[in-house]
Amino acid sequence: MPTTLARTNITHTPRVQRLLDIANTQWPEERPSVQMINLMETGASKITETDEDAEFKARLAELDRRAAEFHAKYQLTFPDNYLNDLRSEWDREWDQ
């Protein structure tokens, strides 16, 4: 399905297949893709239990990623000295 979101491909190596087999015993009614999400959520929960700052670090990383995306999207919208030029125009108007 077309998407602008990042995708991750995972090869079913013996290690991955072992984890999927475990997931299948836990969530047999779910599709493999849902089982993978469940495994990731379970792993993330375990990490946050042992690392009190894990949730904060994850949110900070998300903010950094979103800021980079925003900057990449809008960096060419305004020239580098746009704000300085705008402020100097205001100063000239007040001086008149």
Protein backbone atom coordinates (compact mmCIF):
# COMPACT_ATOMS: atom_id res chain seq x y z
CA MET A 1 0.00 0.00 0.00
CA PRO A 2 1.41 3.44 -0.89
CA THR A 3 2.54 5.51 2.07
CA THR A 4 4.85 8.38 2.90
CA LEU A 5 5.77 6.71 6.19
CA ALA A 6 9.05 4.86 6.63
CA ARG A 7 8.94 1.11 6.16
CA THR A 8 11.07 -1.58 7.75
CA ASN A 9 11.75 -4.92 6.10
CA ILE A 10 12.69 -7.83 8.32
CA THR A 11 14.19 -11.02 6.95
CA HIS A 12 12.97 -14.13 8.71
CA THR A 13 16.37 -15.28 9.91
CA PRO A 14 16.37 -18.19 12.39
CA ARG A 15 16.48 -15.66 15.24
CA VAL A 16 13.52 -13.68 13.90
CA GLN A 17 11.56 -16.86 13.14
CA ARG A 18 12.12 -18.08 16.71
CA LEU A 19 10.68 -14.79 18.01
CA LEU A 20 7.72 -15.04 15.64
CA ASP A 21 7.09 -18.60 16.81
CA ILE A 22 6.99 -17.32 20.39
CA ALA A 23 4.66 -14.51 19.34
CA ASN A 24 2.41 -17.04 17.62
CA THR A 25 2.01 -18.98 20.87
CA GLN A 26 1.04 -15.76 22.65
CA TRP A 27 -1.23 -14.27 19.94
CA PRO A 28 -2.20 -17.17 17.63
CA GLU A 29 -5.25 -15.39 16.22
CA GLU A 30 -3.23 -12.37 15.02
CA ARG A 31 -1.57 -11.85 11.65
CA PRO A 32 2.26 -11.98 11.67
CA SER A 33 2.45 -8.19 11.20
CA VAL A 34 0.32 -7.65 14.31
CA GLN A 35 2.38 -10.22 16.19
CA MET A 36 5.52 -8.22 15.33
CA ILE A 37 3.93 -5.03 16.64
CA ASN A 38 2.89 -6.86 19.81
CA LEU A 39 6.45 -8.12 20.24
CA MET A 40 7.84 -4.59 19.80
CA GLU A 41 5.35 -3.14 22.30
CA THR A 42 6.19 -5.88 24.81
CA GLY A 43 9.91 -5.28 24.35
CA ALA A 44 9.50 -1.52 24.68
CA SER A 45 7.49 -2.00 27.88
CA LYS A 46 10.24 -4.17 29.32
CA ILE A 47 12.87 -1.55 28.43
CA THR A 48 10.89 1.25 30.06
CA GLU A 49 10.51 -0.88 33.19
CA THR A 50 14.28 -1.20 33.51
CA ASP A 51 15.30 2.25 32.18
CA GLU A 52 13.31 5.06 33.80
CA ASP A 53 14.53 7.55 31.19
CA ALA A 54 13.65 5.36 28.18
CA GLU A 55 10.25 6.98 27.59
CA PHE A 56 11.74 10.46 27.90
CA LYS A 57 14.58 9.54 25.52
CA ALA A 58 12.09 8.12 23.02
CA ARG A 59 9.94 11.27 23.12
CA LEU A 60 13.02 13.45 22.76
CA ALA A 61 14.15 11.40 19.76
CA GLU A 62 10.69 11.80 18.22
CA LEU A 63 10.81 15.56 18.73
CA ASP A 64 14.26 15.69 17.13
CA ARG A 65 13.01 13.64 14.18
CA ARG A 66 9.94 15.83 13.71
CA ALA A 67 12.02 19.02 13.98
CA ALA A 68 14.37 17.70 11.30
CA GLU A 69 11.41 16.83 9.07
CA PHE A 70 9.92 20.30 9.60
CA HIS A 71 13.24 21.97 8.86
CA ALA A 72 13.74 19.87 5.71
CA LYS A 73 10.26 20.73 4.49
CA TYR A 74 10.30 24.48 5.21
CA GLN A 75 13.96 25.50 5.10
CA LEU A 76 13.67 26.93 1.60
CA THR A 77 10.44 28.80 2.32
CA PHE A 78 12.23 31.88 3.64
CA PRO A 79 15.69 33.21 2.76
CA ASP A 80 18.40 32.98 5.41
CA ASN A 81 18.17 36.64 6.52
CA TYR A 82 14.40 36.91 6.22
CA LEU A 83 13.74 37.87 9.85
CA ASN A 84 16.62 40.36 10.01
CA ASP A 85 15.45 42.00 6.77
CA LEU A 86 11.88 42.14 8.03
CA ARG A 87 12.95 43.70 11.34
CA SER A 88 15.09 46.28 9.54
CA GLU A 89 12.04 47.25 7.45
CA TRP A 90 10.06 47.76 10.64
CA ASP A 91 12.85 49.92 12.05
CA ARG A 92 12.85 52.06 8.89
CA GLU A 93 9.08 52.52 9.11
CA TRP A 94 9.33 53.66 12.73
CA ASP A 95 12.15 56.04 11.92
CA GLN A 96 10.04 57.90 9.37
